[in-house]
Amino acid sequence: PIGSGKTLTAILATIIANPKKILCVAPKSLLSQWKDCFKEFAKIESEILSPASIKKWESSDVPVGLITYQGLMRALATIDVSTDLLILDEIQNIKNSDTKVWKAISNIKTTDIYGLSGTPIENSLEDLFNVMEIIKPGLLGAKWQFQDEHQLLTTSAPGKAVFSGSKNISGLIEKLKDHLYVCMVETKPVNTVENIVEVIPDTTQRTISNDFWKSAKDLQAKALTAENPGKLKLMVQAMLLRARQAACDVNLTQEIKITSSNKTNAILGQINVFVKNNEQVCVYSQWTSYLEILSSQVTVPYSYFHGGLSVKQRSAEIEKFVT
């Protein structure tokens, strides 16, 4: 889980093992965090790598290289990569053994591998099998053996099997016990107050949202009798998304911007209250476009963190917020 100490545990294990070269693979948003942690807690210098610079790093004096999964995959398409220790953060990102990135990383030459994850099983036990095939190939046997021993078969057809559950978990734990370290940290929020504020959409929002709901309902009815309903089902999903967005802020659904929604005004009001009390605020949204709407109207200094930022820009935005 988040905050359980996976990063620091891996760094501590690295200090004890004392490998000469360490290649750490992580999502782009976490590279700067790894760099800071290596420097602060282990006094180890690191370098954020690109596909073009990884070979130069191998022969350099910098002990730790940091790279994204996609960057490493592109590098492995043209060169061989070797390291003493391979750290795979958020290893569930390569849980599918049919992907190019899984196949590429499985060919890295390394002495040891640390795989870190708060969610090693996201869909089925097969996720765990594929992850362990990277960390310790063959530990869980062949895939058919693993499926026979630990998964409940629902239906079977040529080239395809559907599983509905798991079995013999105690036997699976026994196989994994020498290769698995579980971080369990009990966290207790300090001075946490949960306050749910109900905001009613205004008349314009309700009208536009209801129009999208009606369109979704009409398309769904057509899909039930269509010979090829796939496209109609996608359109239904699009209309439902638009209905939700209109209930949030109608500006999300149209290019011509109009007055702010009740929700947006409520959030801006809450931000002003916290700022007046000399407190900081984090605002999260599943839509970056909504964060852009908020940022265009907020009247206090802010940091804007999103997936489109480079590693350097992310670090700068985080630093701006924490200082």
Protein backbone atom coordinates (compact mmCIF):
# COMPACT_ATOMS: atom_id res chain seq x y z
CA PRO A 1 0.00 0.00 0.00
CA ILE A 2 0.95 3.64 -0.38
CA GLY A 3 3.14 4.86 2.46
CA SER A 4 4.10 1.38 3.65
CA GLY A 5 7.81 2.02 3.20
CA LYS A 6 8.48 0.02 0.03
CA THR A 7 10.97 2.57 -1.35
CA LEU A 8 12.99 2.89 1.87
CA THR A 9 12.92 -0.88 2.42
CA ALA A 10 14.35 -1.42 -1.07
CA ILE A 11 17.04 1.21 -0.48
CA LEU A 12 17.98 -0.38 2.85
CA ALA A 13 18.24 -3.79 1.19
CA THR A 14 20.39 -2.18 -1.49
CA ILE A 15 22.77 -0.73 1.10
CA ILE A 16 23.13 -4.16 2.71
CA ALA A 17 23.70 -5.97 -0.61
CA ASN A 18 26.08 -3.22 -1.81
CA PRO A 19 25.84 -3.88 -5.57
CA LYS A 20 28.08 -1.91 -7.89
CA LYS A 21 25.40 -0.93 -10.40
CA ILE A 22 21.69 -0.49 -9.68
CA LEU A 23 19.06 0.07 -12.35
CA CYS A 24 15.75 1.31 -10.95
CA VAL A 25 12.70 1.24 -13.22
CA ALA A 26 9.62 3.21 -12.20
CA PRO A 27 6.74 5.27 -13.59
CA LYS A 28 7.82 8.71 -14.76
CA SER A 29 6.12 10.47 -11.85
CA LEU A 30 8.25 8.55 -9.31
CA LEU A 31 11.74 8.94 -10.78
CA SER A 32 12.51 12.21 -9.00
CA GLN A 33 11.27 10.71 -5.71
CA TRP A 34 13.66 7.76 -6.08
CA LYS A 35 16.51 10.15 -6.90
CA ASP A 36 15.83 12.21 -3.77
CA CYS A 37 15.48 9.11 -1.55
CA PHE A 38 18.76 7.56 -2.74
CA LYS A 39 20.54 10.82 -2.00
CA GLU A 40 18.87 11.60 1.34
CA PHE A 41 18.79 8.15 2.94
CA ALA A 42 21.71 6.32 1.33
CA LYS A 43 24.01 9.18 0.22
CA ILE A 44 24.08 7.53 -3.22
CA GLU A 45 24.16 9.58 -6.42
CA SER A 46 21.81 8.64 -9.23
CA GLU A 47 21.04 9.69 -12.77
CA ILE A 48 17.71 9.82 -14.60
CA LEU A 49 18.30 8.02 -17.89
CA SER A 50 16.88 8.10 -21.39
CA PRO A 51 17.01 5.19 -23.87
CA ALA A 52 20.00 6.88 -25.50
CA SER A 53 21.99 7.38 -22.29
CA ILE A 54 21.61 4.02 -20.57
CA LYS A 55 24.63 2.43 -22.26
CA LYS A 56 26.84 5.36 -21.27
CA TRP A 57 25.58 5.02 -17.67
CA GLU A 58 26.63 1.34 -17.55
CA SER A 59 30.29 2.36 -17.92
CA SER A 60 30.07 5.49 -15.74
CA ASP A 61 30.86 5.97 -12.05
CA VAL A 62 27.24 6.77 -11.19
CA PRO A 63 25.96 3.74 -9.22
CA VAL A 64 22.21 4.21 -9.74
CA GLY A 65 20.35 4.66 -13.01
CA LEU A 66 16.68 5.64 -13.04
CA ILE A 67 14.47 5.04 -16.07
CA THR A 68 10.81 4.54 -16.99
CA TYR A 69 9.40 1.22 -18.16
CA GLN A 70 8.75 2.58 -21.63
CA GLY A 71 12.20 4.13 -21.82
CA LEU A 72 13.85 0.84 -20.87
CA MET A 73 11.75 -1.05 -23.39
CA ARG A 74 12.89 1.29 -26.18
CA ALA A 75 16.51 0.90 -25.10
CA LEU A 76 16.27 -2.90 -25.04
CA ALA A 77 14.99 -2.88 -28.61
CA THR A 78 18.48 -1.95 -29.82
CA ILE A 79 20.96 -2.84 -27.05
CA ASP A 80 21.59 -5.36 -24.30
CA VAL A 81 21.32 -4.02 -20.76
CA SER A 82 23.00 -5.51 -17.71
CA THR A 83 23.12 -4.50 -14.04
CA ASP A 84 23.98 -5.99 -10.66
CA LEU A 85 20.60 -5.11 -9.15
CA LEU A 86 17.34 -4.39 -10.94
CA ILE A 87 14.61 -2.59 -8.95
CA LEU A 88 11.15 -2.67 -10.53
CA ASP A 89 8.87 -0.19 -8.77
CA GLU A 90 5.12 -0.60 -9.30
CA ILE A 91 5.91 -3.95 -10.90
CA GLN A 92 2.22 -4.60 -11.50
CA ASN A 93 2.68 -2.35 -14.54
CA ILE A 94 4.21 -5.36 -16.29
CA LYS A 95 1.75 -7.98 -15.05
CA ASN A 96 0.82 -8.98 -18.62
CA SER A 97 3.37 -11.39 -20.08
CA ASP A 98 2.07 -10.77 -23.60
CA THR A 99 3.25 -7.15 -23.66
CA LYS A 100 6.45 -5.94 -25.27
CA VAL A 101 7.68 -4.33 -22.05
CA TRP A 102 7.32 -7.60 -20.07
CA LYS A 103 9.21 -9.55 -22.73
CA ALA A 104 11.93 -6.89 -22.94
CA ILE A 105 12.52 -6.69 -19.18
CA SER A 106 12.58 -10.47 -18.84
CA ASN A 107 15.74 -10.44 -20.98
CA ILE A 108 17.76 -8.06 -18.78
CA LYS A 109 20.99 -9.55 -17.44
CA THR A 110 21.04 -9.02 -13.67
CA THR A 111 22.18 -10.76 -10.51
CA ASP A 112 19.25 -9.72 -8.29
CA ILE A 113 15.79 -8.27 -8.77
CA TYR A 114 13.58 -6.38 -6.33
CA GLY A 115 9.94 -6.04 -7.38
CA LEU A 116 7.84 -3.46 -5.47
CA SER A 117 4.07 -3.19 -5.53
CA GLY A 118 1.15 -2.24 -3.35
CA THR A 119 -1.18 -4.20 -5.64
CA PRO A 120 0.64 -7.27 -7.02
CA ILE A 121 -2.71 -8.87 -7.88
CA GLU A 122 -5.05 -6.48 -9.70
CA ASN A 123 -7.21 -8.81 -11.77
CA SER A 124 -6.38 -12.44 -11.05
CA LEU A 125 -3.68 -14.74 -9.67
CA GLU A 126 -2.17 -14.80 -13.14
CA ASP A 127 -0.89 -11.26 -12.45
CA LEU A 128 1.19 -12.67 -9.61
CA PHE A 129 2.46 -15.53 -11.75
CA ASN A 130 3.65 -13.16 -14.49
CA VAL A 131 5.35 -10.87 -11.98
CA MET A 132 7.17 -13.78 -10.35
CA GLU A 133 8.31 -15.02 -13.75
CA ILE A 134 10.31 -11.78 -13.94
CA ILE A 135 11.64 -11.94 -10.38
CA LYS A 136 12.28 -15.70 -10.10
CA PRO A 137 11.55 -17.56 -13.34
CA GLY A 138 10.25 -21.07 -12.78
CA LEU A 139 9.53 -20.61 -9.07
CA LEU A 140 5.81 -21.27 -9.53
CA GLY A 141 6.27 -23.92 -12.20
CA ALA A 142 4.89 -23.82 -15.72
CA LYS A 143 1.80 -21.67 -16.24
CA TRP A 144 -0.45 -24.70 -16.76
CA GLN A 145 0.78 -26.19 -13.49
CA PHE A 146 0.16 -22.92 -11.66
CA GLN A 147 -3.35 -22.69 -13.10
CA ASP A 148 -4.12 -26.31 -12.21
CA GLU A 149 -2.86 -25.94 -8.62
CA HIS A 150 -4.08 -22.46 -7.72
CA GLN A 151 -6.90 -21.29 -10.01
CA LEU A 152 -10.52 -22.43 -10.32
CA LEU A 153 -11.44 -23.16 -13.94
CA THR A 154 -14.90 -21.96 -15.02
CA THR A 155 -14.97 -22.63 -18.76
CA SER A 156 -12.47 -23.92 -21.27
CA ALA A 157 -12.28 -23.56 -25.04
CA PRO A 158 -9.49 -24.10 -27.57
CA GLY A 159 -6.78 -21.57 -26.77
CA LYS A 160 -8.76 -19.92 -23.98
CA ALA A 161 -9.54 -20.65 -20.32
CA VAL A 162 -11.66 -18.60 -17.92
CA PHE A 163 -10.96 -18.73 -14.19
CA SER A 164 -13.37 -17.61 -11.46
CA GLY A 165 -11.30 -17.86 -8.31
CA SER A 166 -8.33 -19.30 -6.47
CA LYS A 167 -7.45 -22.41 -4.47
CA ASN A 168 -4.61 -23.85 -2.39
CA ILE A 169 -3.44 -20.39 -1.32
CA SER A 170 -1.50 -21.91 1.59
CA GLY A 171 0.56 -23.91 -0.91
CA LEU A 172 1.19 -20.75 -2.95
CA ILE A 173 2.36 -18.85 0.14
CA GLU A 174 4.73 -21.70 0.96
CA LYS A 175 6.36 -21.39 -2.46
CA LEU A 176 6.70 -17.63 -2.13
CA LYS A 177 7.81 -17.35 1.50
CA ASP A 178 11.55 -17.09 0.79
CA HIS A 179 11.05 -14.56 -2.00
CA LEU A 180 8.37 -12.27 -0.61
CA TYR A 181 8.63 -9.47 1.95
CA VAL A 182 5.38 -7.84 3.00
CA CYS A 183 5.36 -4.28 4.34
CA MET A 184 2.42 -3.75 6.66
CA VAL A 185 2.19 -0.30 8.24
CA GLU A 186 -0.77 0.81 10.32
CA THR A 187 -1.31 4.50 9.77
CA LYS A 188 -3.48 6.71 11.94
CA PRO A 189 -4.56 10.05 10.46
CA VAL A 190 -3.67 13.03 12.61
CA ASN A 191 -6.28 15.75 13.09
CA THR A 192 -8.28 14.49 10.13
CA VAL A 193 -11.81 15.80 9.62
CA GLU A 194 -13.98 14.43 6.85
CA ASN A 195 -16.51 16.96 5.66
CA ILE A 196 -18.74 16.18 2.69
CA VAL A 197 -20.22 19.29 1.09
CA GLU A 198 -23.32 18.77 -1.02
CA VAL A 199 -23.46 21.08 -4.04
CA ILE A 200 -26.57 21.08 -6.23
CA PRO A 201 -25.96 21.61 -9.98
CA ASP A 202 -27.55 24.78 -11.33
CA THR A 203 -30.37 24.83 -13.89
CA THR A 204 -28.03 25.00 -16.89
CA GLN A 205 -25.97 22.07 -15.63
CA ARG A 206 -29.05 19.92 -14.99
CA THR A 207 -30.47 20.68 -18.43
CA ILE A 208 -27.26 19.82 -20.30
CA SER A 209 -26.56 16.77 -18.15
CA ASN A 210 -30.11 15.43 -18.65
CA ASP A 211 -29.77 15.90 -22.41
CA PHE A 212 -26.65 13.70 -22.41
CA TRP A 213 -28.40 11.09 -20.24
CA LYS A 214 -31.33 11.00 -22.70
CA SER A 215 -28.92 10.59 -25.63
CA ALA A 216 -27.21 7.71 -23.84
CA LYS A 217 -30.56 6.03 -23.15
CA ASP A 218 -31.64 6.35 -26.81
CA LEU A 219 -28.32 4.96 -28.07
CA GLN A 220 -28.52 2.06 -25.62
CA ALA A 221 -31.97 1.16 -26.95
CA LYS A 222 -30.64 1.16 -30.52
CA ALA A 223 -27.64 -0.97 -29.50
CA LEU A 224 -29.92 -3.72 -28.17
CA THR A 225 -31.28 -4.39 -31.67
CA ALA A 226 -28.27 -3.42 -33.82
CA GLU A 227 -26.32 -6.09 -35.73
CA ASN A 228 -23.01 -4.43 -34.80
CA PRO A 229 -23.62 -2.61 -31.52
CA GLY A 230 -19.95 -1.98 -30.69
CA LYS A 231 -19.83 1.60 -31.99
CA LEU A 232 -23.16 2.46 -30.38
CA LYS A 233 -21.96 1.15 -27.00
CA LEU A 234 -18.90 3.37 -27.22
CA MET A 235 -21.16 6.32 -27.96
CA VAL A 236 -23.27 5.43 -24.91
CA GLN A 237 -20.15 5.55 -22.73
CA ALA A 238 -19.20 8.90 -24.26
CA MET A 239 -22.64 10.36 -23.54
CA LEU A 240 -22.58 9.10 -19.94
CA LEU A 241 -19.15 10.69 -19.47
CA ARG A 242 -20.47 13.99 -20.83
CA ALA A 243 -23.46 13.81 -18.48
CA ARG A 244 -21.11 13.43 -15.49
CA GLN A 245 -18.89 16.25 -16.71
CA ALA A 246 -21.84 18.60 -17.15
CA ALA A 247 -22.92 17.89 -13.57
CA CYS A 248 -19.38 18.86 -12.51
CA ASP A 249 -18.95 21.96 -14.69
CA VAL A 250 -20.60 22.55 -18.07
CA ASN A 251 -17.40 24.14 -19.33
CA LEU A 252 -16.01 20.60 -19.56
CA THR A 253 -18.51 19.75 -22.29
CA GLN A 254 -18.20 22.68 -24.68
CA GLU A 255 -15.58 24.89 -26.25
CA ILE A 256 -17.41 28.14 -25.49
CA LYS A 257 -16.86 28.86 -21.81
CA ILE A 258 -19.70 30.21 -19.69
CA THR A 259 -20.01 31.19 -16.04
CA SER A 260 -18.60 28.88 -13.38
CA SER A 261 -20.67 26.04 -11.98
CA ASN A 262 -21.89 25.86 -8.40
CA LYS A 263 -19.28 23.18 -7.67
CA THR A 264 -16.42 25.27 -9.04
CA ASN A 265 -17.53 28.30 -7.03
CA ALA A 266 -17.76 26.14 -3.89
CA ILE A 267 -14.23 24.78 -4.39
CA LEU A 268 -12.81 28.25 -5.01
CA GLY A 269 -14.54 29.45 -1.84
CA GLN A 270 -13.05 26.59 0.19
CA ILE A 271 -9.58 27.33 -1.19
CA ASN A 272 -9.86 30.96 -0.08
CA VAL A 273 -10.91 29.88 3.43
CA PHE A 274 -7.89 27.60 3.83
CA VAL A 275 -5.48 30.17 2.42
CA LYS A 276 -6.79 32.86 4.80
CA ASN A 277 -6.03 30.43 7.65
CA ASN A 278 -2.47 30.10 6.30
CA GLU A 279 -3.06 26.47 5.28
CA GLN A 280 -2.26 24.59 2.08
CA VAL A 281 -4.78 22.81 -0.14
CA CYS A 282 -4.53 19.86 -2.53
CA VAL A 283 -7.26 19.61 -5.15
CA TYR A 284 -7.61 16.35 -7.07
CA SER A 285 -9.66 15.63 -10.18
CA GLN A 286 -9.87 12.79 -12.67
CA TRP A 287 -10.00 15.40 -15.43
CA THR A 288 -6.98 17.63 -16.05
CA SER A 289 -9.30 19.88 -18.07
CA TYR A 290 -11.23 20.61 -14.87
CA LEU A 291 -8.02 21.48 -13.03
CA GLU A 292 -7.29 23.92 -15.87
CA ILE A 293 -10.70 25.51 -15.33
CA LEU A 294 -9.95 25.91 -11.63
CA SER A 295 -6.44 27.23 -12.20
CA SER A 296 -7.77 29.91 -14.56
CA GLN A 297 -9.99 31.25 -11.77
CA VAL A 298 -7.98 30.73 -8.59
CA THR A 299 -6.61 33.99 -7.20
CA VAL A 300 -3.73 32.65 -5.07
CA PRO A 301 -0.34 31.16 -6.05
CA TYR A 302 -0.59 27.47 -6.95
CA SER A 303 1.31 24.46 -8.31
CA TYR A 304 -0.19 22.42 -11.13
CA PHE A 305 0.94 18.79 -11.19
CA HIS A 306 -0.20 16.52 -14.02
CA GLY A 307 0.98 13.61 -16.17
CA GLY A 308 2.08 15.80 -19.06
CA LEU A 309 4.98 17.34 -17.12
CA SER A 310 8.57 16.26 -17.65
CA VAL A 311 10.51 14.78 -14.72
CA LYS A 312 12.26 18.14 -14.21
CA GLN A 313 8.97 20.05 -14.31
CA ARG A 314 7.36 17.64 -11.83
CA SER A 315 10.18 18.13 -9.36
CA ALA A 316 9.90 21.90 -9.75
CA GLU A 317 6.14 21.90 -9.13
CA ILE A 318 6.48 19.70 -6.03
CA GLU A 319 9.28 21.89 -4.69
CA LYS A 320 7.19 25.00 -5.29
CA PHE A 321 4.33 23.51 -3.28
CA VAL A 322 6.27 22.13 -0.32
CA THR A 323 8.28 25.36 0.14
